Amino acid sequence: MARLSNGIALLVALGASAAAAQDRAVTIHAGQLLDGRGGSARDVTITVTGSKITAVTKGATTPADYEFGKLTVLPGLIDSHTHITAHFNKDGRASTQGESGETKGVKWAENVELTLMSGYTTIQSMGSDDDYVLRDAIASGRLIGPRLLTSGRPINDPKMTPDAIRAYVRQSKANGADFIKLFASESIRDGGGPTLSDAQVQAACGEAKAQGMRIWVHAHAASAVTQAVNASCYAITHGFLTTQKELDLMARKGTWFEPNVGVVLQNYIAHRKNYEGIGNYTSAAFESMIEYAGKAPAFWERVHKTKGLKVISGGDTNAGAEGNNVQEVIFRVQNGQPAMDAIVDSTSTDAEALGLGQTVGSIVPGMEADIIAVDGDPLKDITALRKVTFVMKGGKVYKNVAK
């Protein structure tokens, strides 16, 4: 497990005093409240005591501690798929080779703070043991950032035997992983083909279930998605090469599906000069990603119109997209999904998928006080979610620039 470098140790010490817990009941008056469960109401007061929401009542309290009568208040947003430690180096390249621990620490601290200030109070990060130190520093209050869940290092070796995979799942749990990440197909840059046998996928998902852990399966190919569904895997991410047949299969089986349509490919293309020439970020791969990005709207239309499909909101947010997580939500609405549905997906639905449905994702009494305010009405203009003026996480205020 990673440990704090001297550089990040200083940062977390400074961050500890940045947000003090509320030691009394405070009130937030919302001109419009979106509760995260599909409800909308005007002129509502939320009472927060300690870290919890203790009341939601009609009308204004005079004076409210936070007067947001001209704003929209909603739960803190959730991104179910990030790579929070990824960043560009001093030369603007998507590589950390040769970087010192202090340099990495500063970048990690920047990433988590940017993410929180953009309105994301909970994220799930996939693919790095470095996440552990960030998760623990944030949870202890030593660093400013969103609530963080991590898989640690994923299972990404197609040569592993089923027994080795089961052992890896058990070791990940012992290491403190919140869930398991399994690669069952190639990257879309390499064609997205399947990489594992049925026995390997069954070993990973079966052992995760036996250990009481969720598992996210990276799968693009239709056959890889089918493997994962038939193995009763918890959630599938990407699925860009699926057909309606696989979408319907996931819906029937109750498998969570996390398509990544609004951030990941667009971010790579926008930052081509930062990525091209590193690993499988080849010229041919970029031409392929441009082609797939052009197909994303049609793919998303099939997904969100599939009856009964349990859709998660995750961006696969990577280096270059720090603080831009909300573009996933914006893309979905601008390409056909009703705004309220997209907001529910990125709050209470994501919370349920992450095993936090009784903790965050909704503004109702008893939930953690993860609350944001935005300037505008996202039901009329989803880009209002970019205008975050207030961020509270667990009853602590981290941002308040409301006018």
Protein backbone atom coordinates (compact mmCIF):
# COMPACT_ATOMS: atom_id res chain seq x y z
CA MET A 1 0.00 0.00 0.00
CA ALA A 2 1.25 3.49 -0.84
CA ARG A 3 2.44 5.81 1.91
CA LEU A 4 2.42 9.60 2.14
CA SER A 5 5.49 11.29 0.71
CA ASN A 6 6.90 14.28 2.58
CA GLY A 7 5.33 16.56 -0.02
CA ILE A 8 1.79 15.26 0.29
CA ALA A 9 2.13 14.96 4.05
CA LEU A 10 2.56 18.74 4.19
CA LEU A 11 -0.44 19.24 1.91
CA VAL A 12 -2.73 17.12 4.04
CA ALA A 13 -1.60 18.90 7.18
CA LEU A 14 -2.54 22.24 5.61
CA GLY A 15 -5.83 20.83 4.34
CA ALA A 16 -6.91 19.67 7.78
CA SER A 17 -7.97 23.15 8.87
CA ALA A 18 -9.66 24.11 5.60
CA ALA A 19 -13.16 22.96 6.55
CA ALA A 20 -14.47 22.82 10.08
CA ALA A 21 -17.38 20.60 11.03
CA GLN A 22 -20.64 22.34 11.92
CA ASP A 23 -21.14 22.08 15.69
CA ARG A 24 -24.75 23.28 15.61
CA ALA A 25 -27.82 22.90 13.42
CA VAL A 26 -27.57 25.00 10.26
CA THR A 27 -30.19 25.77 7.64
CA ILE A 28 -29.99 25.98 3.86
CA HIS A 29 -32.83 27.70 2.01
CA ALA A 30 -33.25 26.47 -1.57
CA GLY A 31 -35.17 28.32 -4.24
CA GLN A 32 -35.43 24.93 -5.96
CA LEU A 33 -34.60 21.55 -4.46
CA LEU A 34 -33.87 18.43 -6.50
CA ASP A 35 -33.83 15.62 -3.95
CA GLY A 36 -31.82 13.09 -6.02
CA ARG A 37 -34.72 10.65 -6.18
CA GLY A 38 -36.71 12.40 -8.90
CA GLY A 39 -38.47 14.90 -6.66
CA SER A 40 -38.47 18.66 -7.25
CA ALA A 41 -39.82 21.37 -4.95
CA ARG A 42 -39.55 25.12 -4.61
CA ASP A 43 -38.92 27.18 -1.48
CA VAL A 44 -37.50 24.47 0.76
CA THR A 45 -35.32 24.60 3.89
CA ILE A 46 -32.82 21.84 4.67
CA THR A 47 -31.57 21.49 8.25
CA VAL A 48 -28.15 19.93 8.82
CA THR A 49 -26.90 18.85 12.24
CA GLY A 50 -23.36 17.58 12.42
CA SER A 51 -22.81 15.45 9.31
CA LYS A 52 -26.48 14.56 8.75
CA ILE A 53 -29.55 16.02 7.12
CA THR A 54 -32.08 16.22 9.95
CA ALA A 55 -35.06 17.94 8.31
CA VAL A 56 -36.41 19.03 4.93
CA THR A 57 -39.33 21.43 5.27
CA LYS A 58 -41.44 23.66 3.06
CA GLY A 59 -40.81 27.39 3.34
CA ALA A 60 -37.94 29.61 4.44
CA THR A 61 -36.29 29.93 7.83
CA THR A 62 -35.48 33.56 8.65
CA PRO A 63 -32.64 34.08 8.51
CA ALA A 64 -31.25 30.91 6.91
CA ASP A 65 -27.57 30.23 7.48
CA TYR A 66 -27.21 29.77 3.72
CA GLU A 67 -29.69 31.70 1.61
CA PHE A 68 -29.91 30.17 -1.87
CA GLY A 69 -33.36 31.42 -2.86
CA LYS A 70 -32.20 32.07 -6.41
CA LEU A 71 -30.29 28.80 -6.81
CA THR A 72 -30.95 25.10 -7.33
CA VAL A 73 -29.86 22.79 -4.51
CA LEU A 74 -29.25 19.09 -5.06
CA PRO A 75 -27.23 16.18 -3.64
CA GLY A 76 -23.51 16.05 -4.22
CA LEU A 77 -22.82 14.38 -7.56
CA ILE A 78 -21.24 10.91 -7.86
CA ASP A 79 -18.85 9.59 -10.51
CA SER A 80 -18.62 5.80 -10.47
CA HIS A 81 -15.52 5.60 -12.68
CA THR A 82 -12.47 7.81 -12.29
CA HIS A 83 -8.70 7.44 -12.37
CA ILE A 84 -8.05 10.10 -9.78
CA THR A 85 -4.25 9.85 -9.59
CA ALA A 86 -3.75 10.14 -13.37
CA HIS A 87 -2.21 13.44 -14.49
CA PHE A 88 0.05 15.11 -17.02
CA ASN A 89 3.70 15.54 -16.07
CA LYS A 90 5.74 18.77 -16.22
CA ASP A 91 6.14 18.28 -19.96
CA GLY A 92 2.41 17.89 -20.45
CA ARG A 93 2.61 14.18 -21.13
CA ALA A 94 0.32 11.47 -19.71
CA SER A 95 3.22 9.70 -18.01
CA THR A 96 4.47 9.64 -14.43
CA GLN A 97 7.71 7.82 -15.18
CA GLY A 98 10.55 9.36 -13.21
CA GLU A 99 8.33 11.66 -11.13
CA SER A 100 9.15 12.09 -7.46
CA GLY A 101 6.71 11.17 -4.74
CA GLU A 102 6.35 14.84 -3.86
CA THR A 103 5.43 15.78 -7.43
CA LYS A 104 2.87 13.01 -7.62
CA GLY A 105 1.47 14.01 -4.24
CA VAL A 106 0.86 17.59 -5.34
CA LYS A 107 -0.92 16.41 -8.49
CA TRP A 108 -3.10 13.97 -6.55
CA ALA A 109 -4.08 16.69 -4.08
CA GLU A 110 -4.94 19.03 -6.96
CA ASN A 111 -7.07 16.36 -8.63
CA VAL A 112 -9.19 15.54 -5.59
CA GLU A 113 -9.74 19.18 -4.69
CA LEU A 114 -10.73 20.10 -8.25
CA THR A 115 -13.16 17.21 -8.29
CA LEU A 116 -14.80 18.19 -5.01
CA MET A 117 -15.07 21.85 -5.95
CA SER A 118 -16.83 20.88 -9.18
CA GLY A 119 -19.65 19.37 -7.12
CA TYR A 120 -18.58 15.72 -6.95
CA THR A 121 -18.69 14.63 -3.33
CA THR A 122 -18.25 10.89 -3.98
CA ILE A 123 -16.12 9.11 -6.59
CA GLN A 124 -15.06 5.57 -7.33
CA SER A 125 -11.51 5.21 -8.63
CA MET A 126 -10.29 2.21 -10.58
CA GLY A 127 -6.86 0.89 -11.15
CA SER A 128 -4.22 2.19 -8.74
CA ASP A 129 -2.85 1.25 -5.34
CA ASP A 130 -1.98 4.95 -4.97
CA ASP A 131 -5.68 5.55 -4.33
CA TYR A 132 -5.43 4.04 -0.85
CA VAL A 133 -3.41 6.88 0.60
CA LEU A 134 -5.73 9.47 -0.91
CA ARG A 135 -8.84 7.69 0.34
CA ASP A 136 -7.51 7.49 3.88
CA ALA A 137 -6.23 11.08 3.95
CA ILE A 138 -9.60 12.40 2.75
CA ALA A 139 -11.59 10.20 5.13
CA SER A 140 -9.52 11.40 8.10
CA GLY A 141 -10.01 15.05 7.14
CA ARG A 142 -6.34 15.64 6.40
CA LEU A 143 -6.95 16.31 2.71
CA ILE A 144 -9.74 18.09 0.86
CA GLY A 145 -11.51 15.84 -1.62
CA PRO A 146 -14.57 13.73 -2.38
CA ARG A 147 -15.46 10.55 -0.55
CA LEU A 148 -13.31 7.99 -2.36
CA LEU A 149 -13.79 4.30 -3.07
CA THR A 150 -11.03 2.34 -4.80
CA SER A 151 -10.36 -1.03 -6.35
CA GLY A 152 -6.62 -0.73 -5.93
CA ARG A 153 -4.71 -2.44 -8.73
CA PRO A 154 -7.06 -4.34 -11.07
CA ILE A 155 -6.93 -7.89 -12.35
CA ASN A 156 -5.39 -7.41 -15.78
CA ASP A 157 -3.35 -10.51 -16.59
CA PRO A 158 -5.03 -12.92 -18.99
CA LYS A 159 -2.49 -15.61 -18.04
CA MET A 160 -3.72 -15.87 -14.44
CA THR A 161 -5.33 -19.18 -13.54
CA PRO A 162 -8.79 -19.21 -11.95
CA ASP A 163 -7.21 -20.11 -8.61
CA ALA A 164 -4.75 -17.24 -8.90
CA ILE A 165 -7.61 -14.88 -9.70
CA ARG A 166 -9.54 -16.02 -6.63
CA ALA A 167 -6.46 -15.49 -4.48
CA TYR A 168 -6.02 -12.00 -5.95
CA VAL A 169 -9.58 -11.09 -5.05
CA ARG A 170 -9.02 -12.23 -1.47
CA GLN A 171 -5.75 -10.31 -1.27
CA SER A 172 -7.40 -7.16 -2.64
CA LYS A 173 -9.99 -7.38 0.11
CA ALA A 174 -7.24 -7.83 2.70
CA ASN A 175 -5.48 -4.76 1.27
CA GLY A 176 -8.60 -2.69 1.93
CA ALA A 177 -10.08 -2.47 -1.58
CA ASP A 178 -13.69 -1.31 -1.70
CA PHE A 179 -14.43 -3.33 -4.83
CA ILE A 180 -12.69 -5.36 -7.55
CA LYS A 181 -11.85 -4.25 -11.09
CA LEU A 182 -11.47 -6.96 -13.75
CA PHE A 183 -10.31 -6.54 -17.35
CA ALA A 184 -12.20 -9.04 -19.53
CA SER A 185 -11.44 -7.40 -22.85
CA GLU A 186 -8.81 -5.35 -24.60
CA SER A 187 -8.86 -1.58 -24.58
CA ILE A 188 -11.00 -0.09 -27.31
CA ARG A 189 -7.70 1.26 -28.70
CA ASP A 190 -6.65 -2.35 -29.31
CA GLY A 191 -9.98 -3.43 -30.76
CA GLY A 192 -11.85 -4.30 -27.55
CA GLY A 193 -11.74 -8.08 -28.08
CA PRO A 194 -12.29 -10.60 -25.26
CA THR A 195 -9.24 -11.66 -23.24
CA LEU A 196 -10.44 -14.15 -20.63
CA SER A 197 -12.02 -17.59 -20.57
CA ASP A 198 -15.41 -18.27 -19.01
CA ALA A 199 -13.64 -20.00 -16.12
CA GLN A 200 -11.50 -16.94 -15.41
CA VAL A 201 -14.44 -14.55 -15.41
CA GLN A 202 -16.47 -16.93 -13.25
CA ALA A 203 -13.58 -17.20 -10.80
CA ALA A 204 -13.27 -13.44 -10.41
CA CYS A 205 -16.97 -12.68 -10.08
CA GLY A 206 -17.75 -15.74 -7.99
CA GLU A 207 -14.97 -15.01 -5.51
CA ALA A 208 -15.91 -11.33 -5.30
CA LYS A 209 -19.46 -12.32 -4.44
CA ALA A 210 -18.23 -14.87 -1.89
CA GLN A 211 -16.15 -12.14 -0.26
CA GLY A 212 -19.08 -9.71 -0.18
CA MET A 213 -17.45 -7.40 -2.72
CA ARG A 214 -18.75 -5.64 -5.80
CA ILE A 215 -16.87 -6.19 -9.06
CA TRP A 216 -16.64 -3.89 -12.09
CA VAL A 217 -15.83 -5.67 -15.35
CA HIS A 218 -14.10 -3.80 -18.18
CA ALA A 219 -15.69 -5.29 -21.29
CA HIS A 220 -16.14 -3.86 -24.77
CA ALA A 221 -16.82 -6.90 -26.94
CA ALA A 222 -20.33 -8.30 -27.00
CA SER A 223 -18.96 -11.74 -26.13
CA ALA A 224 -17.07 -10.38 -23.11
CA VAL A 225 -20.20 -8.64 -21.86
CA THR A 226 -22.16 -11.86 -22.26
CA GLN A 227 -19.47 -13.76 -20.33
CA ALA A 228 -19.71 -11.30 -17.45
CA VAL A 229 -23.51 -11.32 -17.33
CA ASN A 230 -23.65 -15.12 -17.39
CA ALA A 231 -21.08 -15.23 -14.59
CA SER A 232 -23.38 -13.02 -12.46
CA CYS A 233 -20.83 -10.22 -12.33
CA TYR A 234 -22.04 -7.12 -10.49
CA ALA A 235 -21.36 -4.35 -13.00
CA ILE A 236 -20.01 -3.90 -16.51
CA THR A 237 -18.21 -0.79 -17.69
CA HIS A 238 -17.80 0.41 -21.29
CA GLY A 239 -19.63 -2.16 -23.45
CA PHE A 240 -19.09 -0.03 -26.52
CA LEU A 241 -19.30 -2.97 -28.92
CA THR A 242 -22.55 -4.35 -27.53
CA THR A 243 -25.74 -4.75 -29.52
CA GLN A 244 -29.31 -4.48 -28.30
CA LYS A 245 -29.16 -8.20 -27.52
CA GLU A 246 -26.53 -7.70 -24.80
CA LEU A 247 -28.28 -4.62 -23.40
CA ASP A 248 -31.51 -6.60 -23.08
CA LEU A 249 -29.60 -9.47 -21.45
CA MET A 250 -28.16 -7.12 -18.82
CA ALA A 251 -31.62 -5.71 -18.18
CA ARG A 252 -33.12 -9.19 -17.69
CA LYS A 253 -30.33 -10.32 -15.37
CA GLY A 254 -30.25 -7.10 -13.32
CA THR A 255 -26.61 -6.36 -14.15
CA TRP A 256 -25.49 -2.79 -13.55
CA PHE A 257 -24.21 -1.13 -16.73
CA GLU A 258 -21.86 1.83 -16.82
CA PRO A 259 -21.44 3.17 -20.36
CA ASN A 260 -18.86 5.95 -20.65
CA VAL A 261 -20.09 8.23 -23.39
CA GLY A 262 -19.41 11.85 -22.55
CA VAL A 263 -15.91 12.24 -21.16
CA VAL A 264 -13.35 9.54 -21.86
CA LEU A 265 -13.02 9.47 -25.65
CA GLN A 266 -13.63 13.19 -25.95
CA ASN A 267 -10.89 13.88 -23.39
CA TYR A 268 -8.35 11.69 -25.18
CA ILE A 269 -9.12 13.35 -28.50
CA ALA A 270 -8.93 16.87 -27.02
CA HIS A 271 -5.55 16.03 -25.46
CA ARG A 272 -4.13 13.97 -28.29
CA LYS A 273 -0.74 15.68 -28.10
CA ASN A 274 -0.49 14.74 -24.41
CA TYR A 275 -1.16 11.04 -25.04
CA GLU A 276 -0.06 10.08 -28.55
CA GLY A 277 3.06 7.95 -28.61
CA ILE A 278 2.63 6.57 -25.10
CA GLY A 279 1.79 2.85 -24.87
CA ASN A 280 -1.18 1.97 -27.06
CA TYR A 281 -2.05 5.61 -27.73
CA THR A 282 -0.94 5.29 -31.34
CA SER A 283 -1.97 7.34 -34.35
CA ALA A 284 -4.19 4.49 -35.52
CA ALA A 285 -5.74 4.25 -32.05
CA PHE A 286 -6.67 7.92 -32.14
CA GLU A 287 -8.32 7.57 -35.52
CA SER A 288 -10.30 4.66 -34.09
CA MET A 289 -11.30 6.66 -31.00
CA ILE A 290 -12.48 9.53 -33.20
CA GLU A 291 -14.65 7.06 -35.09
CA TYR A 292 -16.09 5.59 -31.88
CA ALA A 293 -16.74 9.06 -30.40
CA GLY A 294 -18.84 9.78 -33.46
CA LYS A 295 -20.92 6.70 -32.69
CA ALA A 296 -21.37 7.57 -29.00
CA PRO A 297 -24.71 9.42 -29.39
CA ALA A 298 -26.36 6.46 -31.16
CA PHE A 299 -24.87 4.02 -28.63
CA TRP A 300 -26.17 6.13 -25.76
CA GLU A 301 -29.63 6.31 -27.31
CA ARG A 302 -29.81 2.51 -27.35
CA VAL A 303 -28.61 2.33 -23.75
CA HIS A 304 -30.92 4.85 -22.12
CA LYS A 305 -33.94 3.59 -24.06
CA THR A 306 -33.40 -0.05 -23.04
CA LYS A 307 -36.29 -0.90 -20.74
CA GLY A 308 -35.26 -2.10 -17.28
CA LEU A 309 -31.52 -1.55 -17.77
CA LYS A 310 -29.81 -0.37 -14.56
CA VAL A 311 -27.61 2.46 -15.84
CA ILE A 312 -24.75 3.93 -13.80
CA SER A 313 -23.24 7.38 -14.33
CA GLY A 314 -19.46 7.17 -14.67
CA GLY A 315 -17.12 9.05 -16.94
CA ASP A 316 -13.89 7.02 -16.91
CA THR A 317 -12.37 10.38 -16.03
CA ASN A 318 -8.64 10.43 -16.74
CA ALA A 319 -5.71 12.85 -17.03
CA GLY A 320 -6.88 16.05 -18.65
CA ALA A 321 -10.47 15.70 -17.45
CA GLU A 322 -9.87 16.68 -13.81
CA GLY A 323 -12.91 18.60 -12.56
CA ASN A 324 -14.76 17.92 -15.82
CA ASN A 325 -16.64 14.85 -14.58
CA VAL A 326 -20.01 16.53 -15.14
CA GLN A 327 -19.56 16.45 -18.91
CA GLU A 328 -20.75 12.84 -18.71
CA VAL A 329 -24.10 14.04 -17.37
CA ILE A 330 -24.29 16.94 -19.81
CA PHE A 331 -23.59 14.67 -22.80
CA ARG A 332 -26.31 12.25 -21.76
CA VAL A 333 -28.93 14.98 -21.55
CA GLN A 334 -27.83 16.71 -24.73
CA ASN A 335 -28.19 13.34 -26.46
CA GLY A 336 -31.71 12.48 -25.43
CA GLN A 337 -31.95 11.58 -21.75
CA PRO A 338 -34.38 13.64 -19.63
CA ALA A 339 -32.43 15.93 -17.32
CA MET A 340 -34.10 14.65 -14.16
CA ASP A 341 -33.23 11.05 -15.07
CA ALA A 342 -29.58 11.98 -15.66
CA ILE A 343 -29.41 13.79 -12.31
CA VAL A 344 -30.96 10.81 -10.51
CA ASP A 345 -28.46 8.50 -12.22
CA SER A 346 -25.54 10.63 -10.98
CA THR A 347 -26.87 10.85 -7.41
CA SER A 348 -29.12 8.22 -5.83
CA THR A 349 -28.72 5.56 -8.55
CA ASP A 350 -24.93 5.76 -8.41
CA ALA A 351 -25.09 5.70 -4.62
CA GLU A 352 -27.10 2.47 -4.76
CA ALA A 353 -24.68 0.91 -7.25
CA LEU A 354 -21.72 1.83 -5.03
CA GLY A 355 -23.35 0.30 -1.97
CA LEU A 356 -23.97 3.73 -0.44
CA GLY A 357 -27.69 4.07 -1.09
CA GLN A 358 -28.47 4.48 2.61
CA THR A 359 -25.69 7.03 3.11
CA VAL A 360 -25.46 9.53 0.24
CA GLY A 361 -27.11 10.51 -3.03
CA SER A 362 -30.38 11.96 -1.70
CA ILE A 363 -31.52 14.98 0.26
CA VAL A 364 -33.75 13.34 2.86
CA PRO A 365 -33.48 13.22 6.66
CA GLY A 366 -30.94 10.73 7.93
CA MET A 367 -28.59 10.92 4.94
CA GLU A 368 -25.10 12.37 5.01
CA ALA A 369 -25.23 16.09 4.25
CA ASP A 370 -23.61 16.02 0.82
CA ILE A 371 -25.25 19.08 -0.71
CA ILE A 372 -24.38 21.39 -3.60
CA ALA A 373 -25.95 24.51 -5.07
CA VAL A 374 -25.78 25.60 -8.71
CA ASP A 375 -26.57 28.88 -10.41
CA GLY A 376 -29.47 28.11 -12.74
CA ASP A 377 -32.00 25.37 -13.31
CA PRO A 378 -30.40 22.15 -14.61
CA LEU A 379 -33.83 20.78 -15.52
CA LYS A 380 -34.06 23.53 -18.14
CA ASP A 381 -30.35 23.83 -18.97
CA ILE A 382 -28.21 20.91 -17.85
CA THR A 383 -25.03 22.99 -18.23
CA ALA A 384 -26.07 24.77 -15.03
CA LEU A 385 -24.37 21.86 -13.29
CA ARG A 386 -21.10 23.52 -14.28
CA LYS A 387 -21.96 26.58 -12.17
CA VAL A 388 -21.35 25.12 -8.73
CA THR A 389 -21.43 27.85 -6.09
CA PHE A 390 -21.66 25.81 -2.89
CA VAL A 391 -20.28 22.44 -1.80
CA MET A 392 -20.99 20.71 1.50
CA LYS A 393 -19.75 17.18 2.19
CA GLY A 394 -20.68 15.39 5.38
CA GLY A 395 -21.91 18.64 6.91
CA LYS A 396 -18.68 20.54 6.20
CA VAL A 397 -18.68 23.48 3.83
CA TYR A 398 -15.81 23.41 1.35
CA LYS A 399 -17.01 26.02 -1.13
CA ASN A 400 -19.40 28.98 -0.88
CA VAL A 401 -19.22 31.59 -3.60
CA ALA A 402 -22.98 32.02 -3.96
CA LYS A 403 -24.13 35.60 -4.61
